[in-house]
Amino acid sequence: MGNEVVMFGLTLEEFESLALKVGFTVLILYMLFIIGNLAKESKAGKYGAMWMFIGLGLGFVGFVSKALIQKLMGIE
């Protein structure tokens, strides 16, 4: 415990975990913006935009659900 690296008042492991969660959250929000912009520029309409969000957004929905399942099962 005496030789742990401390960064911004956090240990290196805590900082990496927090940075990963913040980084992925920002990336997911940016991808949602891109999908919305793509739907608007292609004039997809409400139904087409819904399918664009469903089809293109399933990748990060799986990532978020994995984190939730791990938290509920106490694996983390």
PDB file of N, CA and C in Angstrom:
ATOM      1  N   MET A   1       0.817  -1.193   0.000  1.00  0.00           N
ATOM      2  CA  MET A   1       0.000   0.000   0.000  1.00  0.00           C
ATOM      3  C   MET A   1       0.860   1.256   0.000  1.00  0.00           C
ATOM      4  N   GLY A   2       2.074   1.149   0.425  1.00  0.00           N
ATOM      5  CA  GLY A   2       2.946   2.300   0.495  1.00  0.00           C
ATOM      6  C   GLY A   2       3.490   2.738  -0.855  1.00  0.00           C
ATOM      7  N   ASN A   3       3.532   1.859  -1.840  1.00  0.00           N
ATOM      8  CA  ASN A   3       4.113   2.207  -3.135  1.00  0.00           C
ATOM      9  C   ASN A   3       3.075   2.288  -4.252  1.00  0.00           C
ATOM     10  N   GLU A   4       1.795   2.509  -3.929  1.00  0.00           N
ATOM     11  CA  GLU A   4       0.759   2.627  -4.950  1.00  0.00           C
ATOM     12  C   GLU A   4       0.858   3.987  -5.632  1.00  0.00           C
ATOM     13  N   VAL A   5       0.598   3.987  -6.913  1.00  0.00           N
ATOM     14  CA  VAL A   5       0.597   5.230  -7.680  1.00  0.00           C
ATOM     15  C   VAL A   5      -0.735   5.917  -7.448  1.00  0.00           C
ATOM     16  N   VAL A   6      -0.696   7.187  -7.055  1.00  0.00           N
ATOM     17  CA  VAL A   6      -1.915   7.957  -6.795  1.00  0.00           C
ATOM     18  C   VAL A   6      -2.004   9.068  -7.832  1.00  0.00           C
ATOM     19  N   MET A   7      -3.169   9.149  -8.488  1.00  0.00           N
ATOM     20  CA  MET A   7      -3.387  10.141  -9.518  1.00  0.00           C
ATOM     21  C   MET A   7      -4.729  10.803  -9.241  1.00  0.00           C
ATOM     22  N   PHE A   8      -4.747  12.107  -9.029  1.00  0.00           N
ATOM     23  CA  PHE A   8      -5.959  12.865  -8.723  1.00  0.00           C
ATOM     24  C   PHE A   8      -6.671  12.303  -7.495  1.00  0.00           C
ATOM     25  N   GLY A   9      -5.932  11.837  -6.523  1.00  0.00           N
ATOM     26  CA  GLY A   9      -6.506  11.294  -5.300  1.00  0.00           C
ATOM     27  C   GLY A   9      -7.036   9.879  -5.437  1.00  0.00           C
ATOM     28  N   LEU A  10      -6.817   9.238  -6.575  1.00  0.00           N
ATOM     29  CA  LEU A  10      -7.285   7.872  -6.823  1.00  0.00           C
ATOM     30  C   LEU A  10      -6.084   6.980  -7.099  1.00  0.00           C
ATOM     31  N   THR A  11      -6.228   5.711  -6.779  1.00  0.00           N
ATOM     32  CA  THR A  11      -5.182   4.778  -7.181  1.00  0.00           C
ATOM     33  C   THR A  11      -5.245   4.604  -8.690  1.00  0.00           C
ATOM     34  N   LEU A  12      -4.220   4.040  -9.256  1.00  0.00           N
ATOM     35  CA  LEU A  12      -4.172   3.874 -10.702  1.00  0.00           C
ATOM     36  C   LEU A  12      -5.328   3.013 -11.204  1.00  0.00           C
ATOM     37  N   GLU A  13      -5.674   1.961 -10.479  1.00  0.00           N
ATOM     38  CA  GLU A  13      -6.771   1.084 -10.884  1.00  0.00           C
ATOM     39  C   GLU A  13      -8.106   1.816 -10.844  1.00  0.00           C
ATOM     40  N   GLU A  14      -8.349   2.608  -9.806  1.00  0.00           N
ATOM     41  CA  GLU A  14      -9.598   3.375  -9.711  1.00  0.00           C
ATOM     42  C   GLU A  14      -9.683   4.416 -10.822  1.00  0.00           C
ATOM     43  N   PHE A  15      -8.562   5.082 -11.092  1.00  0.00           N
ATOM     44  CA  PHE A  15      -8.538   6.092 -12.152  1.00  0.00           C
ATOM     45  C   PHE A  15      -8.809   5.471 -13.518  1.00  0.00           C
ATOM     46  N   GLU A  16      -8.193   4.326 -13.799  1.00  0.00           N
ATOM     47  CA  GLU A  16      -8.407   3.660 -15.092  1.00  0.00           C
ATOM     48  C   GLU A  16      -9.850   3.220 -15.249  1.00  0.00           C
ATOM     49  N   SER A  17     -10.440   2.704 -14.192  1.00  0.00           N
ATOM     50  CA  SER A  17     -11.841   2.266 -14.248  1.00  0.00           C
ATOM     51  C   SER A  17     -12.766   3.452 -14.512  1.00  0.00           C
ATOM     52  N   LEU A  18     -12.537   4.547 -13.804  1.00  0.00           N
ATOM     53  CA  LEU A  18     -13.356   5.737 -13.991  1.00  0.00           C
ATOM     54  C   LEU A  18     -13.161   6.329 -15.384  1.00  0.00           C
ATOM     55  N   ALA A  19     -11.915   6.403 -15.854  1.00  0.00           N
ATOM     56  CA  ALA A  19     -11.632   6.956 -17.173  1.00  0.00           C
ATOM     57  C   ALA A  19     -12.259   6.102 -18.275  1.00  0.00           C
ATOM     58  N   LEU A  20     -12.252   4.784 -18.101  1.00  0.00           N
ATOM     59  CA  LEU A  20     -12.861   3.898 -19.093  1.00  0.00           C
ATOM     60  C   LEU A  20     -14.362   4.130 -19.172  1.00  0.00           C
ATOM     61  N   LYS A  21     -15.014   4.252 -18.016  1.00  0.00           N
ATOM     62  CA  LYS A  21     -16.464   4.475 -18.016  1.00  0.00           C
ATOM     63  C   LYS A  21     -16.820   5.827 -18.612  1.00  0.00           C
ATOM     64  N   VAL A  22     -16.082   6.859 -18.260  1.00  0.00           N
ATOM     65  CA  VAL A  22     -16.346   8.191 -18.805  1.00  0.00           C
ATOM     66  C   VAL A  22     -16.057   8.215 -20.300  1.00  0.00           C
ATOM     67  N   GLY A  23     -14.959   7.607 -20.708  1.00  0.00           N
ATOM     68  CA  GLY A  23     -14.604   7.583 -22.123  1.00  0.00           C
ATOM     69  C   GLY A  23     -15.629   6.856 -22.976  1.00  0.00           C
ATOM     70  N   PHE A  24     -16.089   5.706 -22.505  1.00  0.00           N
ATOM     71  CA  PHE A  24     -17.098   4.971 -23.268  1.00  0.00           C
ATOM     72  C   PHE A  24     -18.437   5.694 -23.281  1.00  0.00           C
ATOM     73  N   THR A  25     -18.778   6.375 -22.192  1.00  0.00           N
ATOM     74  CA  THR A  25     -20.020   7.144 -22.164  1.00  0.00           C
ATOM     75  C   THR A  25     -19.974   8.262 -23.196  1.00  0.00           C
ATOM     76  N   VAL A  26     -18.866   8.973 -23.262  1.00  0.00           N
ATOM     77  CA  VAL A  26     -18.716  10.048 -24.246  1.00  0.00           C
ATOM     78  C   VAL A  26     -18.755   9.477 -25.660  1.00  0.00           C
ATOM     79  N   LEU A  27     -18.112   8.353 -25.882  1.00  0.00           N
ATOM     80  CA  LEU A  27     -18.108   7.725 -27.199  1.00  0.00           C
ATOM     81  C   LEU A  27     -19.515   7.288 -27.617  1.00  0.00           C
ATOM     82  N   ILE A  28     -20.272   6.725 -26.695  1.00  0.00           N
ATOM     83  CA  ILE A  28     -21.639   6.296 -27.000  1.00  0.00           C
ATOM     84  C   ILE A  28     -22.513   7.500 -27.321  1.00  0.00           C
ATOM     85  N   LEU A  29     -22.383   8.576 -26.554  1.00  0.00           N
ATOM     86  CA  LEU A  29     -23.168   9.784 -26.842  1.00  0.00           C
ATOM     87  C   LEU A  29     -22.800  10.366 -28.203  1.00  0.00           C
ATOM     88  N   TYR A  30     -21.518  10.326 -28.539  1.00  0.00           N
ATOM     89  CA  TYR A  30     -21.086  10.811 -29.854  1.00  0.00           C
ATOM     90  C   TYR A  30     -21.655   9.934 -30.973  1.00  0.00           C
ATOM     91  N   MET A  31     -21.687   8.620 -30.771  1.00  0.00           N
ATOM     92  CA  MET A  31     -22.254   7.725 -31.782  1.00  0.00           C
ATOM     93  C   MET A  31     -23.749   7.971 -31.938  1.00  0.00           C
ATOM     94  N   LEU A  32     -24.459   8.260 -30.838  1.00  0.00           N
ATOM     95  CA  LEU A  32     -25.883   8.600 -30.938  1.00  0.00           C
ATOM     96  C   LEU A  32     -26.077   9.881 -31.745  1.00  0.00           C
ATOM     97  N   PHE A  33     -25.212  10.856 -31.527  1.00  0.00           N
ATOM     98  CA  PHE A  33     -25.274  12.091 -32.314  1.00  0.00           C
ATOM     99  C   PHE A  33     -25.053  11.800 -33.796  1.00  0.00           C
ATOM    100  N   ILE A  34     -24.086  10.954 -34.111  1.00  0.00           N
ATOM    101  CA  ILE A  34     -23.794  10.619 -35.505  1.00  0.00           C
ATOM    102  C   ILE A  34     -24.979   9.911 -36.151  1.00  0.00           C
ATOM    103  N   ILE A  35     -25.604   8.972 -35.428  1.00  0.00           N
ATOM    104  CA  ILE A  35     -26.757   8.258 -35.973  1.00  0.00           C
ATOM    105  C   ILE A  35     -27.914   9.225 -36.209  1.00  0.00           C
ATOM    106  N   GLY A  36     -28.150  10.124 -35.252  1.00  0.00           N
ATOM    107  CA  GLY A  36     -29.216  11.117 -35.423  1.00  0.00           C
ATOM    108  C   GLY A  36     -28.949  12.045 -36.589  1.00  0.00           C
ATOM    109  N   ASN A  37     -27.705  12.468 -36.738  1.00  0.00           N
ATOM    110  CA  ASN A  37     -27.345  13.335 -37.854  1.00  0.00           C
ATOM    111  C   ASN A  37     -27.500  12.607 -39.184  1.00  0.00           C
ATOM    112  N   LEU A  38     -27.114  11.331 -39.216  1.00  0.00           N
ATOM    113  CA  LEU A  38     -27.268  10.526 -40.426  1.00  0.00           C
ATOM    114  C   LEU A  38     -28.743  10.364 -40.791  1.00  0.00           C
ATOM    115  N   ALA A  39     -29.586  10.150 -39.795  1.00  0.00           N
ATOM    116  CA  ALA A  39     -31.027  10.015 -40.051  1.00  0.00           C
ATOM    117  C   ALA A  39     -31.618  11.316 -40.570  1.00  0.00           C
ATOM    118  N   LYS A  40     -31.162  12.435 -40.015  1.00  0.00           N
ATOM    119  CA  LYS A  40     -31.682  13.736 -40.454  1.00  0.00           C
ATOM    120  C   LYS A  40     -31.247  14.061 -41.876  1.00  0.00           C
ATOM    121  N   GLU A  41     -29.971  13.831 -42.184  1.00  0.00           N
ATOM    122  CA  GLU A  41     -29.461  14.161 -43.509  1.00  0.00           C
ATOM    123  C   GLU A  41     -30.024  13.251 -44.603  1.00  0.00           C
ATOM    124  N   SER A  42     -30.359  12.014 -44.243  1.00  0.00           N
ATOM    125  CA  SER A  42     -30.903  11.102 -45.242  1.00  0.00           C
ATOM    126  C   SER A  42     -32.414  11.225 -45.358  1.00  0.00           C
ATOM    127  N   LYS A  43     -33.017  12.102 -44.563  1.00  0.00           N
ATOM    128  CA  LYS A  43     -34.471  12.324 -44.559  1.00  0.00           C
ATOM    129  C   LYS A  43     -35.216  10.997 -44.381  1.00  0.00           C
ATOM    130  N   ALA A  44     -34.791  10.248 -43.353  1.00  0.00           N
ATOM    131  CA  ALA A  44     -35.322   8.908 -43.135  1.00  0.00           C
ATOM    132  C   ALA A  44     -36.741   8.927 -42.564  1.00  0.00           C
ATOM    133  N   GLY A  45     -37.178   9.988 -41.952  1.00  0.00           N
ATOM    134  CA  GLY A  45     -38.484  10.014 -41.320  1.00  0.00           C
ATOM    135  C   GLY A  45     -38.410   9.353 -39.950  1.00  0.00           C
ATOM    136  N   LYS A  46     -39.542   9.368 -39.247  1.00  0.00           N
ATOM    137  CA  LYS A  46     -39.546   8.821 -37.883  1.00  0.00           C
ATOM    138  C   LYS A  46     -39.310   7.313 -37.868  1.00  0.00           C
ATOM    139  N   TYR A  47     -39.979   6.608 -38.753  1.00  0.00           N
ATOM    140  CA  TYR A  47     -39.854   5.146 -38.782  1.00  0.00           C
ATOM    141  C   TYR A  47     -38.447   4.727 -39.213  1.00  0.00           C
ATOM    142  N   GLY A  48     -37.913   5.375 -40.228  1.00  0.00           N
ATOM    143  CA  GLY A  48     -36.566   5.058 -40.688  1.00  0.00           C
ATOM    144  C   GLY A  48     -35.513   5.405 -39.651  1.00  0.00           C
ATOM    145  N   ALA A  49     -35.699   6.541 -38.971  1.00  0.00           N
ATOM    146  CA  ALA A  49     -34.754   6.938 -37.926  1.00  0.00           C
ATOM    147  C   ALA A  49     -34.792   5.949 -36.771  1.00  0.00           C
ATOM    148  N   MET A  50     -35.991   5.462 -36.441  1.00  0.00           N
ATOM    149  CA  MET A  50     -36.102   4.472 -35.365  1.00  0.00           C
ATOM    150  C   MET A  50     -35.300   3.222 -35.716  1.00  0.00           C
ATOM    151  N   TRP A  51     -35.422   2.750 -36.942  1.00  0.00           N
ATOM    152  CA  TRP A  51     -34.691   1.548 -37.343  1.00  0.00           C
ATOM    153  C   TRP A  51     -33.193   1.794 -37.446  1.00  0.00           C
ATOM    154  N   MET A  52     -32.805   3.010 -37.782  1.00  0.00           N
ATOM    155  CA  MET A  52     -31.380   3.338 -37.794  1.00  0.00           C
ATOM    156  C   MET A  52     -30.808   3.289 -36.379  1.00  0.00           C
ATOM    157  N   PHE A  53     -31.552   3.855 -35.424  1.00  0.00           N
ATOM    158  CA  PHE A  53     -31.088   3.812 -34.038  1.00  0.00           C
ATOM    159  C   PHE A  53     -31.060   2.388 -33.510  1.00  0.00           C
ATOM    160  N   ILE A  54     -32.057   1.587 -33.857  1.00  0.00           N
ATOM    161  CA  ILE A  54     -32.085   0.191 -33.400  1.00  0.00           C
ATOM    162  C   ILE A  54     -30.946  -0.597 -34.037  1.00  0.00           C
ATOM    163  N   GLY A  55     -30.817  -0.504 -35.346  1.00  0.00           N
ATOM    164  CA  GLY A  55     -29.817  -1.298 -36.047  1.00  0.00           C
ATOM    165  C   GLY A  55     -28.385  -0.902 -35.721  1.00  0.00           C
ATOM    166  N   LEU A  56     -28.129   0.394 -35.702  1.00  0.00           N
ATOM    167  CA  LEU A  56     -26.767   0.850 -35.475  1.00  0.00           C
ATOM    168  C   LEU A  56     -26.423   0.947 -33.987  1.00  0.00           C
ATOM    169  N   GLY A  57     -27.440   1.017 -33.153  1.00  0.00           N
ATOM    170  CA  GLY A  57     -27.192   1.173 -31.728  1.00  0.00           C
ATOM    171  C   GLY A  57     -27.129  -0.122 -30.943  1.00  0.00           C
ATOM    172  N   LEU A  58     -27.375  -1.247 -31.570  1.00  0.00           N
ATOM    173  CA  LEU A  58     -27.371  -2.515 -30.830  1.00  0.00           C
ATOM    174  C   LEU A  58     -25.994  -2.875 -30.284  1.00  0.00           C
ATOM    175  N   GLY A  59     -24.935  -2.404 -30.906  1.00  0.00           N
ATOM    176  CA  GLY A  59     -23.594  -2.720 -30.445  1.00  0.00           C
ATOM    177  C   GLY A  59     -23.317  -2.181 -29.057  1.00  0.00           C
ATOM    178  N   PHE A  60     -23.616  -0.919 -28.831  1.00  0.00           N
ATOM    179  CA  PHE A  60     -23.345  -0.391 -27.506  1.00  0.00           C
ATOM    180  C   PHE A  60     -24.435  -0.723 -26.506  1.00  0.00           C
ATOM    181  N   VAL A  61     -25.608  -1.125 -26.955  1.00  0.00           N
ATOM    182  CA  VAL A  61     -26.626  -1.613 -26.023  1.00  0.00           C
ATOM    183  C   VAL A  61     -26.138  -2.910 -25.380  1.00  0.00           C
ATOM    184  N   GLY A  62     -25.497  -3.756 -26.164  1.00  0.00           N
ATOM    185  CA  GLY A  62     -24.919  -4.982 -25.618  1.00  0.00           C
ATOM    186  C   GLY A  62     -23.819  -4.694 -24.623  1.00  0.00           C
ATOM    187  N   PHE A  63     -22.988  -3.691 -24.905  1.00  0.00           N
ATOM    188  CA  PHE A  63     -21.907  -3.333 -23.984  1.00  0.00           C
ATOM    189  C   PHE A  63     -22.467  -2.817 -22.660  1.00  0.00           C
ATOM    190  N   VAL A  64     -23.485  -1.969 -22.726  1.00  0.00           N
ATOM    191  CA  VAL A  64     -24.081  -1.411 -21.504  1.00  0.00           C
ATOM    192  C   VAL A  64     -24.804  -2.495 -20.722  1.00  0.00           C
ATOM    193  N   SER A  65     -25.526  -3.383 -21.415  1.00  0.00           N
ATOM    194  CA  SER A  65     -26.242  -4.449 -20.702  1.00  0.00           C
ATOM    195  C   SER A  65     -25.265  -5.419 -20.045  1.00  0.00           C
ATOM    196  N   LYS A  66     -24.113  -5.648 -20.653  1.00  0.00           N
ATOM    197  CA  LYS A  66     -23.096  -6.508 -20.032  1.00  0.00           C
ATOM    198  C   LYS A  66     -22.641  -5.911 -18.705  1.00  0.00           C
ATOM    199  N   ALA A  67     -22.407  -4.610 -18.682  1.00  0.00           N
ATOM    200  CA  ALA A  67     -21.983  -3.949 -17.444  1.00  0.00           C
ATOM    201  C   ALA A  67     -23.079  -4.024 -16.382  1.00  0.00           C
ATOM    202  N   LEU A  68     -24.342  -3.856 -16.785  1.00  0.00           N
ATOM    203  CA  LEU A  68     -25.436  -3.933 -15.827  1.00  0.00           C
ATOM    204  C   LEU A  68     -25.592  -5.351 -15.252  1.00  0.00           C
ATOM    205  N   ILE A  69     -25.475  -6.345 -16.107  1.00  0.00           N
ATOM    206  CA  ILE A  69     -25.592  -7.724 -15.655  1.00  0.00           C
ATOM    207  C   ILE A  69     -24.465  -8.062 -14.686  1.00  0.00           C
ATOM    208  N   GLN A  70     -23.248  -7.623 -14.993  1.00  0.00           N
ATOM    209  CA  GLN A  70     -22.128  -7.865 -14.079  1.00  0.00           C
ATOM    210  C   GLN A  70     -22.361  -7.203 -12.730  1.00  0.00           C
ATOM    211  N   LYS A  71     -22.899  -6.003 -12.744  1.00  0.00           N
ATOM    212  CA  LYS A  71     -23.152  -5.297 -11.489  1.00  0.00           C
ATOM    213  C   LYS A  71     -24.246  -5.991 -10.680  1.00  0.00           C
ATOM    214  N   LEU A  72     -25.315  -6.448 -11.352  1.00  0.00           N
ATOM    215  CA  LEU A  72     -26.406  -7.124 -10.653  1.00  0.00           C
ATOM    216  C   LEU A  72     -25.973  -8.462 -10.078  1.00  0.00           C
ATOM    217  N   MET A  73     -25.081  -9.165 -10.774  1.00  0.00           N
ATOM    218  CA  MET A  73     -24.620 -10.463 -10.295  1.00  0.00           C
ATOM    219  C   MET A  73     -23.460 -10.353  -9.316  1.00  0.00           C
ATOM    220  N   GLY A  74     -22.929  -9.155  -9.138  1.00  0.00           N
ATOM    221  CA  GLY A  74     -21.842  -8.952  -8.208  1.00  0.00           C
ATOM    222  C   GLY A  74     -20.507  -9.466  -8.714  1.00  0.00           C
ATOM    223  N   ILE A  75     -20.345  -9.586 -10.026  1.00  0.00           N
ATOM    224  CA  ILE A  75     -19.117 -10.088 -10.612  1.00  0.00           C
ATOM    225  C   ILE A  75     -18.022  -9.033 -10.588  1.00  0.00           C
ATOM    226  N   GLU A  76     -18.402  -7.797 -10.742  1.00  0.00           N
ATOM    227  CA  GLU A  76     -17.446  -6.705 -10.879  1.00  0.00           C
ATOM    228  C   GLU A  76     -16.582  -6.523  -9.681  1.00  0.00           C
TER     229      GLU A  76
END
